[in-house]
Amino acid sequence: MLLGPAVGRATAKYKVAGWEEVAVPAGKFRALKIEGDGTYTRNDTRQTGRSKMELWYVPEVNRWVRFRFQTPTLDYGAELTGYRLNK
């Protein structure tokens, strides 16, 4: 059984917003921006609310290079600082 504040249920609908140029510590990229809007419920507090997510995916890197997740009480994000492609 999983316990803790990260345990709960989340649902979202995602859409592709389009291509954007994005600069992060790992470099400058042409990225596909994906946006999500949804809801969440935390099991520990039974708190519910709206959530929003944005991520910038770069096919050549095969992952996101920036993402942001927001709720009314949380604003969290991360950026790629470096990478190495396997050959």
PDB file of N, CA and C in Angstrom:
ATOM      1  N   MET A   1       0.842  -1.185   0.000  1.00  0.00           N
ATOM      2  CA  MET A   1       0.000   0.000   0.000  1.00  0.00           C
ATOM      3  C   MET A   1       0.882   1.241   0.000  1.00  0.00           C
ATOM      4  N   LEU A   2       0.596   2.177  -0.870  1.00  0.00           N
ATOM      5  CA  LEU A   2       1.344   3.429  -0.935  1.00  0.00           C
ATOM      6  C   LEU A   2       0.751   4.447   0.031  1.00  0.00           C
ATOM      7  N   LEU A   3       1.623   5.163   0.720  1.00  0.00           N
ATOM      8  CA  LEU A   3       1.197   6.189   1.662  1.00  0.00           C
ATOM      9  C   LEU A   3       1.962   7.467   1.402  1.00  0.00           C
ATOM     10  N   GLY A   4       1.435   8.585   1.867  1.00  0.00           N
ATOM     11  CA  GLY A   4       2.156   9.851   1.763  1.00  0.00           C
ATOM     12  C   GLY A   4       1.398  10.879   0.964  1.00  0.00           C
ATOM     13  N   PRO A   5       1.887  12.118   0.966  1.00  0.00           N
ATOM     14  CA  PRO A   5       1.175  13.214   0.305  1.00  0.00           C
ATOM     15  C   PRO A   5       1.149  13.124  -1.212  1.00  0.00           C
ATOM     16  N   ALA A   6       2.046  12.338  -1.804  1.00  0.00           N
ATOM     17  CA  ALA A   6       2.062  12.246  -3.266  1.00  0.00           C
ATOM     18  C   ALA A   6       1.054  11.227  -3.784  1.00  0.00           C
ATOM     19  N   VAL A   7       0.423  10.480  -2.885  1.00  0.00           N
ATOM     20  CA  VAL A   7      -0.511   9.446  -3.306  1.00  0.00           C
ATOM     21  C   VAL A   7      -1.890  10.065  -3.493  1.00  0.00           C
ATOM     22  N   GLY A   8      -2.501   9.742  -4.609  1.00  0.00           N
ATOM     23  CA  GLY A   8      -3.829  10.254  -4.890  1.00  0.00           C
ATOM     24  C   GLY A   8      -4.239   9.892  -6.295  1.00  0.00           C
ATOM     25  N   ARG A   9      -5.137  10.684  -6.841  1.00  0.00           N
ATOM     26  CA  ARG A   9      -5.632  10.431  -8.179  1.00  0.00           C
ATOM     27  C   ARG A   9      -5.599  11.752  -8.962  1.00  0.00           C
ATOM     28  N   ALA A  10      -5.157  11.645 -10.195  1.00  0.00           N
ATOM     29  CA  ALA A  10      -5.120  12.819 -11.062  1.00  0.00           C
ATOM     30  C   ALA A  10      -5.623  12.430 -12.440  1.00  0.00           C
ATOM     31  N   THR A  11      -6.370  13.307 -13.063  1.00  0.00           N
ATOM     32  CA  THR A  11      -6.816  13.126 -14.436  1.00  0.00           C
ATOM     33  C   THR A  11      -6.571  14.433 -15.179  1.00  0.00           C
ATOM     34  N   ALA A  12      -6.276  14.311 -16.461  1.00  0.00           N
ATOM     35  CA  ALA A  12      -6.002  15.518 -17.242  1.00  0.00           C
ATOM     36  C   ALA A  12      -6.261  15.251 -18.718  1.00  0.00           C
ATOM     37  N   LYS A  13      -6.533  16.320 -19.429  1.00  0.00           N
ATOM     38  CA  LYS A  13      -6.614  16.288 -20.881  1.00  0.00           C
ATOM     39  C   LYS A  13      -5.441  17.101 -21.402  1.00  0.00           C
ATOM     40  N   TYR A  14      -4.755  16.544 -22.398  1.00  0.00           N
ATOM     41  CA  TYR A  14      -3.570  17.180 -22.951  1.00  0.00           C
ATOM     42  C   TYR A  14      -3.796  17.578 -24.392  1.00  0.00           C
ATOM     43  N   LYS A  15      -3.112  18.639 -24.798  1.00  0.00           N
ATOM     44  CA  LYS A  15      -3.158  19.059 -26.198  1.00  0.00           C
ATOM     45  C   LYS A  15      -1.776  19.522 -26.620  1.00  0.00           C
ATOM     46  N   VAL A  16      -1.515  19.374 -27.895  1.00  0.00           N
ATOM     47  CA  VAL A  16      -0.263  19.863 -28.465  1.00  0.00           C
ATOM     48  C   VAL A  16      -0.485  21.311 -28.867  1.00  0.00           C
ATOM     49  N   ALA A  17       0.274  22.206 -28.272  1.00  0.00           N
ATOM     50  CA  ALA A  17       0.119  23.628 -28.541  1.00  0.00           C
ATOM     51  C   ALA A  17       0.898  24.069 -29.778  1.00  0.00           C
ATOM     52  N   GLY A  18       1.973  23.352 -30.112  1.00  0.00           N
ATOM     53  CA  GLY A  18       2.771  23.705 -31.280  1.00  0.00           C
ATOM     54  C   GLY A  18       4.250  23.756 -30.955  1.00  0.00           C
ATOM     55  N   TRP A  19       5.019  24.118 -31.967  1.00  0.00           N
ATOM     56  CA  TRP A  19       6.477  24.189 -31.824  1.00  0.00           C
ATOM     57  C   TRP A  19       6.881  25.537 -31.260  1.00  0.00           C
ATOM     58  N   GLU A  20       7.883  25.523 -30.361  1.00  0.00           N
ATOM     59  CA  GLU A  20       8.443  26.741 -29.770  1.00  0.00           C
ATOM     60  C   GLU A  20       9.958  26.601 -29.661  1.00  0.00           C
ATOM     61  N   GLU A  21      10.636  27.720 -29.732  1.00  0.00           N
ATOM     62  CA  GLU A  21      12.060  27.761 -29.409  1.00  0.00           C
ATOM     63  C   GLU A  21      12.166  27.918 -27.902  1.00  0.00           C
ATOM     64  N   VAL A  22      12.997  27.089 -27.282  1.00  0.00           N
ATOM     65  CA  VAL A  22      13.144  27.138 -25.830  1.00  0.00           C
ATOM     66  C   VAL A  22      14.625  27.071 -25.480  1.00  0.00           C
ATOM     67  N   ALA A  23      15.019  27.891 -24.509  1.00  0.00           N
ATOM     68  CA  ALA A  23      16.402  27.905 -24.031  1.00  0.00           C
ATOM     69  C   ALA A  23      16.419  27.421 -22.581  1.00  0.00           C
ATOM     70  N   VAL A  24      17.238  26.421 -22.312  1.00  0.00           N
ATOM     71  CA  VAL A  24      17.423  25.868 -20.968  1.00  0.00           C
ATOM     72  C   VAL A  24      18.923  25.738 -20.737  1.00  0.00           C
ATOM     73  N   PRO A  25      19.355  25.434 -19.526  1.00  0.00           N
ATOM     74  CA  PRO A  25      20.801  25.309 -19.293  1.00  0.00           C
ATOM     75  C   PRO A  25      21.512  24.318 -20.226  1.00  0.00           C
ATOM     76  N   ALA A  26      20.808  23.299 -20.737  1.00  0.00           N
ATOM     77  CA  ALA A  26      21.426  22.319 -21.636  1.00  0.00           C
ATOM     78  C   ALA A  26      21.564  22.828 -23.059  1.00  0.00           C
ATOM     79  N   GLY A  27      20.950  23.977 -23.381  1.00  0.00           N
ATOM     80  CA  GLY A  27      21.072  24.533 -24.724  1.00  0.00           C
ATOM     81  C   GLY A  27      19.758  25.112 -25.243  1.00  0.00           C
ATOM     82  N   LYS A  28      19.774  25.455 -26.526  1.00  0.00           N
ATOM     83  CA  LYS A  28      18.583  25.980 -27.201  1.00  0.00           C
ATOM     84  C   LYS A  28      18.020  24.896 -28.103  1.00  0.00           C
ATOM     85  N   PHE A  29      16.689  24.752 -28.076  1.00  0.00           N
ATOM     86  CA  PHE A  29      16.041  23.675 -28.801  1.00  0.00           C
ATOM     87  C   PHE A  29      14.759  24.153 -29.470  1.00  0.00           C
ATOM     88  N   ARG A  30      14.376  23.444 -30.514  1.00  0.00           N
ATOM     89  CA  ARG A  30      13.047  23.574 -31.100  1.00  0.00           C
ATOM     90  C   ARG A  30      12.219  22.467 -30.460  1.00  0.00           C
ATOM     91  N   ALA A  31      11.220  22.855 -29.666  1.00  0.00           N
ATOM     92  CA  ALA A  31      10.502  21.894 -28.842  1.00  0.00           C
ATOM     93  C   ALA A  31       9.011  21.912 -29.145  1.00  0.00           C
ATOM     94  N   LEU A  32       8.398  20.778 -28.949  1.00  0.00           N
ATOM     95  CA  LEU A  32       6.960  20.639 -29.081  1.00  0.00           C
ATOM     96  C   LEU A  32       6.350  20.905 -27.701  1.00  0.00           C
ATOM     97  N   LYS A  33       5.547  21.981 -27.606  1.00  0.00           N
ATOM     98  CA  LYS A  33       4.931  22.326 -26.324  1.00  0.00           C
ATOM     99  C   LYS A  33       3.629  21.548 -26.167  1.00  0.00           C
ATOM    100  N   ILE A  34       3.489  20.902 -25.006  1.00  0.00           N
ATOM    101  CA  ILE A  34       2.300  20.120 -24.678  1.00  0.00           C
ATOM    102  C   ILE A  34       1.706  20.704 -23.406  1.00  0.00           C
ATOM    103  N   GLU A  35       0.387  20.959 -23.420  1.00  0.00           N
ATOM    104  CA  GLU A  35      -0.297  21.573 -22.290  1.00  0.00           C
ATOM    105  C   GLU A  35      -1.365  20.625 -21.762  1.00  0.00           C
ATOM    106  N   GLY A  36      -1.504  20.577 -20.449  1.00  0.00           N
ATOM    107  CA  GLY A  36      -2.524  19.737 -19.834  1.00  0.00           C
ATOM    108  C   GLY A  36      -3.289  20.492 -18.771  1.00  0.00           C
ATOM    109  N   ASP A  37      -4.580  20.259 -18.715  1.00  0.00           N
ATOM    110  CA  ASP A  37      -5.444  20.800 -17.672  1.00  0.00           C
ATOM    111  C   ASP A  37      -6.195  19.641 -17.046  1.00  0.00           C
ATOM    112  N   GLY A  38      -6.289  19.642 -15.710  1.00  0.00           N
ATOM    113  CA  GLY A  38      -6.957  18.523 -15.077  1.00  0.00           C
ATOM    114  C   GLY A  38      -7.356  18.802 -13.647  1.00  0.00           C
ATOM    115  N   THR A  39      -7.621  17.716 -12.926  1.00  0.00           N
ATOM    116  CA  THR A  39      -7.999  17.769 -11.522  1.00  0.00           C
ATOM    117  C   THR A  39      -7.194  16.729 -10.754  1.00  0.00           C
ATOM    118  N   TYR A  40      -7.119  16.903  -9.446  1.00  0.00           N
ATOM    119  CA  TYR A  40      -6.412  15.952  -8.600  1.00  0.00           C
ATOM    120  C   TYR A  40      -7.143  15.813  -7.271  1.00  0.00           C
ATOM    121  N   THR A  41      -6.925  14.700  -6.598  1.00  0.00           N
ATOM    122  CA  THR A  41      -7.392  14.459  -5.237  1.00  0.00           C
ATOM    123  C   THR A  41      -6.253  13.809  -4.469  1.00  0.00           C
ATOM    124  N   ARG A  42      -5.889  14.386  -3.329  1.00  0.00           N
ATOM    125  CA  ARG A  42      -4.868  13.794  -2.468  1.00  0.00           C
ATOM    126  C   ARG A  42      -5.537  12.849  -1.483  1.00  0.00           C
ATOM    127  N   ASN A  43      -4.985  11.654  -1.308  1.00  0.00           N
ATOM    128  CA  ASN A  43      -5.563  10.684  -0.383  1.00  0.00           C
ATOM    129  C   ASN A  43      -5.386  11.082   1.078  1.00  0.00           C
ATOM    130  N   ASP A  44      -4.265  11.719   1.401  1.00  0.00           N
ATOM    131  CA  ASP A  44      -3.984  12.022   2.805  1.00  0.00           C
ATOM    132  C   ASP A  44      -4.857  13.132   3.359  1.00  0.00           C
ATOM    133  N   THR A  45      -5.194  14.127   2.537  1.00  0.00           N
ATOM    134  CA  THR A  45      -5.971  15.279   3.022  1.00  0.00           C
ATOM    135  C   THR A  45      -7.349  15.376   2.385  1.00  0.00           C
ATOM    136  N   ARG A  46      -7.584  14.552   1.377  1.00  0.00           N
ATOM    137  CA  ARG A  46      -8.828  14.614   0.585  1.00  0.00           C
ATOM    138  C   ARG A  46      -8.995  15.966  -0.111  1.00  0.00           C
ATOM    139  N   GLN A  47      -7.893  16.688  -0.242  1.00  0.00           N
ATOM    140  CA  GLN A  47      -7.900  17.966  -0.948  1.00  0.00           C
ATOM    141  C   GLN A  47      -8.078  17.698  -2.439  1.00  0.00           C
ATOM    142  N   THR A  48      -8.913  18.479  -3.078  1.00  0.00           N
ATOM    143  CA  THR A  48      -9.101  18.375  -4.522  1.00  0.00           C
ATOM    144  C   THR A  48      -8.872  19.739  -5.141  1.00  0.00           C
ATOM    145  N   GLY A  49      -8.544  19.751  -6.403  1.00  0.00           N
ATOM    146  CA  GLY A  49      -8.339  21.028  -7.072  1.00  0.00           C
ATOM    147  C   GLY A  49      -7.990  20.843  -8.534  1.00  0.00           C
ATOM    148  N   ARG A  50      -7.739  21.956  -9.182  1.00  0.00           N
ATOM    149  CA  ARG A  50      -7.363  21.983 -10.590  1.00  0.00           C
ATOM    150  C   ARG A  50      -5.845  21.929 -10.696  1.00  0.00           C
ATOM    151  N   SER A  51      -5.379  21.359 -11.786  1.00  0.00           N
ATOM    152  CA  SER A  51      -3.943  21.322 -12.043  1.00  0.00           C
ATOM    153  C   SER A  51      -3.689  21.718 -13.490  1.00  0.00           C
ATOM    154  N   LYS A  52      -2.480  22.227 -13.709  1.00  0.00           N
ATOM    155  CA  LYS A  52      -2.051  22.638 -15.048  1.00  0.00           C
ATOM    156  C   LYS A  52      -0.621  22.143 -15.242  1.00  0.00           C
ATOM    157  N   MET A  53      -0.336  21.603 -16.431  1.00  0.00           N
ATOM    158  CA  MET A  53       0.994  21.118 -16.727  1.00  0.00           C
ATOM    159  C   MET A  53       1.407  21.599 -18.108  1.00  0.00           C
ATOM    160  N   GLU A  54       2.655  21.977 -18.235  1.00  0.00           N
ATOM    161  CA  GLU A  54       3.235  22.327 -19.528  1.00  0.00           C
ATOM    162  C   GLU A  54       4.563  21.597 -19.633  1.00  0.00           C
ATOM    163  N   LEU A  55       4.831  21.032 -20.801  1.00  0.00           N
ATOM    164  CA  LEU A  55       6.154  20.480 -21.016  1.00  0.00           C
ATOM    165  C   LEU A  55       6.587  20.740 -22.450  1.00  0.00           C
ATOM    166  N   TRP A  56       7.893  20.823 -22.616  1.00  0.00           N
ATOM    167  CA  TRP A  56       8.508  21.085 -23.914  1.00  0.00           C
ATOM    168  C   TRP A  56       9.335  19.857 -24.269  1.00  0.00           C
ATOM    169  N   TYR A  57       8.871  19.098 -25.252  1.00  0.00           N
ATOM    170  CA  TYR A  57       9.490  17.837 -25.655  1.00  0.00           C
ATOM    171  C   TYR A  57      10.338  18.055 -26.902  1.00  0.00           C
ATOM    172  N   VAL A  58      11.560  17.534 -26.880  1.00  0.00           N
ATOM    173  CA  VAL A  58      12.482  17.655 -28.005  1.00  0.00           C
ATOM    174  C   VAL A  58      12.757  16.255 -28.558  1.00  0.00           C
ATOM    175  N   PRO A  59      12.265  15.949 -29.767  1.00  0.00           N
ATOM    176  CA  PRO A  59      12.454  14.608 -30.331  1.00  0.00           C
ATOM    177  C   PRO A  59      13.921  14.183 -30.425  1.00  0.00           C
ATOM    178  N   GLU A  60      14.811  15.092 -30.770  1.00  0.00           N
ATOM    179  CA  GLU A  60      16.228  14.740 -30.916  1.00  0.00           C
ATOM    180  C   GLU A  60      16.865  14.327 -29.585  1.00  0.00           C
ATOM    181  N   VAL A  61      16.344  14.838 -28.492  1.00  0.00           N
ATOM    182  CA  VAL A  61      16.854  14.486 -27.165  1.00  0.00           C
ATOM    183  C   VAL A  61      16.058  13.307 -26.590  1.00  0.00           C
ATOM    184  N   ASN A  62      14.888  13.062 -27.133  1.00  0.00           N
ATOM    185  CA  ASN A  62      13.996  11.966 -26.736  1.00  0.00           C
ATOM    186  C   ASN A  62      13.471  12.129 -25.312  1.00  0.00           C
ATOM    187  N   ARG A  63      13.179  13.375 -24.929  1.00  0.00           N
ATOM    188  CA  ARG A  63      12.611  13.675 -23.609  1.00  0.00           C
ATOM    189  C   ARG A  63      12.223  15.143 -23.537  1.00  0.00           C
ATOM    190  N   TRP A  64      11.576  15.503 -22.437  1.00  0.00           N
ATOM    191  CA  TRP A  64      11.269  16.918 -22.229  1.00  0.00           C
ATOM    192  C   TRP A  64      12.556  17.634 -21.806  1.00  0.00           C
ATOM    193  N   VAL A  65      12.636  18.917 -22.126  1.00  0.00           N
ATOM    194  CA  VAL A  65      13.771  19.724 -21.674  1.00  0.00           C
ATOM    195  C   VAL A  65      13.326  20.747 -20.631  1.00  0.00           C
ATOM    196  N   ARG A  66      12.015  20.992 -20.540  1.00  0.00           N
ATOM    197  CA  ARG A  66      11.456  21.881 -19.512  1.00  0.00           C
ATOM    198  C   ARG A  66      10.057  21.394 -19.189  1.00  0.00           C
ATOM    199  N   PHE A  67       9.693  21.464 -17.911  1.00  0.00           N
ATOM    200  CA  PHE A  67       8.297  21.226 -17.579  1.00  0.00           C
ATOM    201  C   PHE A  67       7.900  22.085 -16.391  1.00  0.00           C
ATOM    202  N   ARG A  68       6.585  22.297 -16.280  1.00  0.00           N
ATOM    203  CA  ARG A  68       6.034  23.079 -15.183  1.00  0.00           C
ATOM    204  C   ARG A  68       4.710  22.455 -14.772  1.00  0.00           C
ATOM    205  N   PHE A  69       4.500  22.291 -13.470  1.00  0.00           N
ATOM    206  CA  PHE A  69       3.271  21.729 -12.920  1.00  0.00           C
ATOM    207  C   PHE A  69       2.752  22.692 -11.867  1.00  0.00           C
ATOM    208  N   GLN A  70       1.462  23.030 -11.958  1.00  0.00           N
ATOM    209  CA  GLN A  70       0.880  24.000 -11.035  1.00  0.00           C
ATOM    210  C   GLN A  70      -0.453  23.507 -10.487  1.00  0.00           C
ATOM    211  N   THR A  71      -0.660  23.758  -9.204  1.00  0.00           N
ATOM    212  CA  THR A  71      -1.953  23.621  -8.549  1.00  0.00           C
ATOM    213  C   THR A  71      -2.152  24.918  -7.759  1.00  0.00           C
ATOM    214  N   PRO A  72      -3.295  25.092  -7.102  1.00  0.00           N
ATOM    215  CA  PRO A  72      -3.453  26.317  -6.302  1.00  0.00           C
ATOM    216  C   PRO A  72      -2.407  26.471  -5.199  1.00  0.00           C
ATOM    217  N   THR A  73      -1.807  25.383  -4.734  1.00  0.00           N
ATOM    218  CA  THR A  73      -0.842  25.465  -3.627  1.00  0.00           C
ATOM    219  C   THR A  73       0.578  25.061  -4.028  1.00  0.00           C
ATOM    220  N   LEU A  74       0.810  24.744  -5.298  1.00  0.00           N
ATOM    221  CA  LEU A  74       2.113  24.253  -5.731  1.00  0.00           C
ATOM    222  C   LEU A  74       2.456  24.807  -7.102  1.00  0.00           C
ATOM    223  N   ASP A  75       3.681  25.232  -7.262  1.00  0.00           N
ATOM    224  CA  ASP A  75       4.207  25.651  -8.570  1.00  0.00           C
ATOM    225  C   ASP A  75       5.600  25.038  -8.675  1.00  0.00           C
ATOM    226  N   TYR A  76       5.717  23.984  -9.498  1.00  0.00           N
ATOM    227  CA  TYR A  76       6.954  23.223  -9.568  1.00  0.00           C
ATOM    228  C   TYR A  76       7.396  23.094 -11.012  1.00  0.00           C
ATOM    229  N   GLY A  77       8.682  23.189 -11.242  1.00  0.00           N
ATOM    230  CA  GLY A  77       9.194  23.021 -12.588  1.00  0.00           C
ATOM    231  C   GLY A  77      10.627  22.529 -12.569  1.00  0.00           C
ATOM    232  N   ALA A  78      11.100  22.142 -13.757  1.00  0.00           N
ATOM    233  CA  ALA A  78      12.473  21.672 -13.895  1.00  0.00           C
ATOM    234  C   ALA A  78      12.931  21.903 -15.326  1.00  0.00           C
ATOM    235  N   GLU A  79      14.243  22.026 -15.493  1.00  0.00           N
ATOM    236  CA  GLU A  79      14.837  22.206 -16.813  1.00  0.00           C
ATOM    237  C   GLU A  79      16.019  21.259 -16.953  1.00  0.00           C
ATOM    238  N   LEU A  80      16.237  20.784 -18.171  1.00  0.00           N
ATOM    239  CA  LEU A  80      17.364  19.910 -18.461  1.00  0.00           C
ATOM    240  C   LEU A  80      18.655  20.722 -18.379  1.00  0.00           C
ATOM    241  N   THR A  81      19.627  20.201 -17.634  1.00  0.00           N
ATOM    242  CA  THR A  81      20.899  20.919 -17.482  1.00  0.00           C
ATOM    243  C   THR A  81      22.006  20.342 -18.352  1.00  0.00           C
ATOM    244  N   GLY A  82      21.812  19.136 -18.857  1.00  0.00           N
ATOM    245  CA  GLY A  82      22.803  18.515 -19.732  1.00  0.00           C
ATOM    246  C   GLY A  82      22.299  17.182 -20.231  1.00  0.00           C
ATOM    247  N   TYR A  83      22.904  16.677 -21.284  1.00  0.00           N
ATOM    248  CA  TYR A  83      22.515  15.376 -21.821  1.00  0.00           C
ATOM    249  C   TYR A  83      23.619  14.852 -22.720  1.00  0.00           C
ATOM    250  N   ARG A  84      23.563  13.545 -22.970  1.00  0.00           N
ATOM    251  CA  ARG A  84      24.485  12.899 -23.882  1.00  0.00           C
ATOM    252  C   ARG A  84      23.683  11.839 -24.632  1.00  0.00           C
ATOM    253  N   LEU A  85      23.706  11.885 -25.948  1.00  0.00           N
ATOM    254  CA  LEU A  85      22.991  10.919 -26.756  1.00  0.00           C
ATOM    255  C   LEU A  85      23.805   9.636 -26.877  1.00  0.00           C
ATOM    256  N   ASN A  86      23.137   8.493 -26.748  1.00  0.00           N
ATOM    257  CA  ASN A  86      23.795   7.214 -26.970  1.00  0.00           C
ATOM    258  C   ASN A  86      23.951   6.985 -28.453  1.00  0.00           C
ATOM    259  N   LYS A  87      25.085   6.469 -28.879  1.00  0.00           N
ATOM    260  CA  LYS A  87      25.320   6.223 -30.299  1.00  0.00           C
ATOM    261  C   LYS A  87      25.394   4.750 -30.582  1.00  0.00           C
TER     262      LYS A  87
END
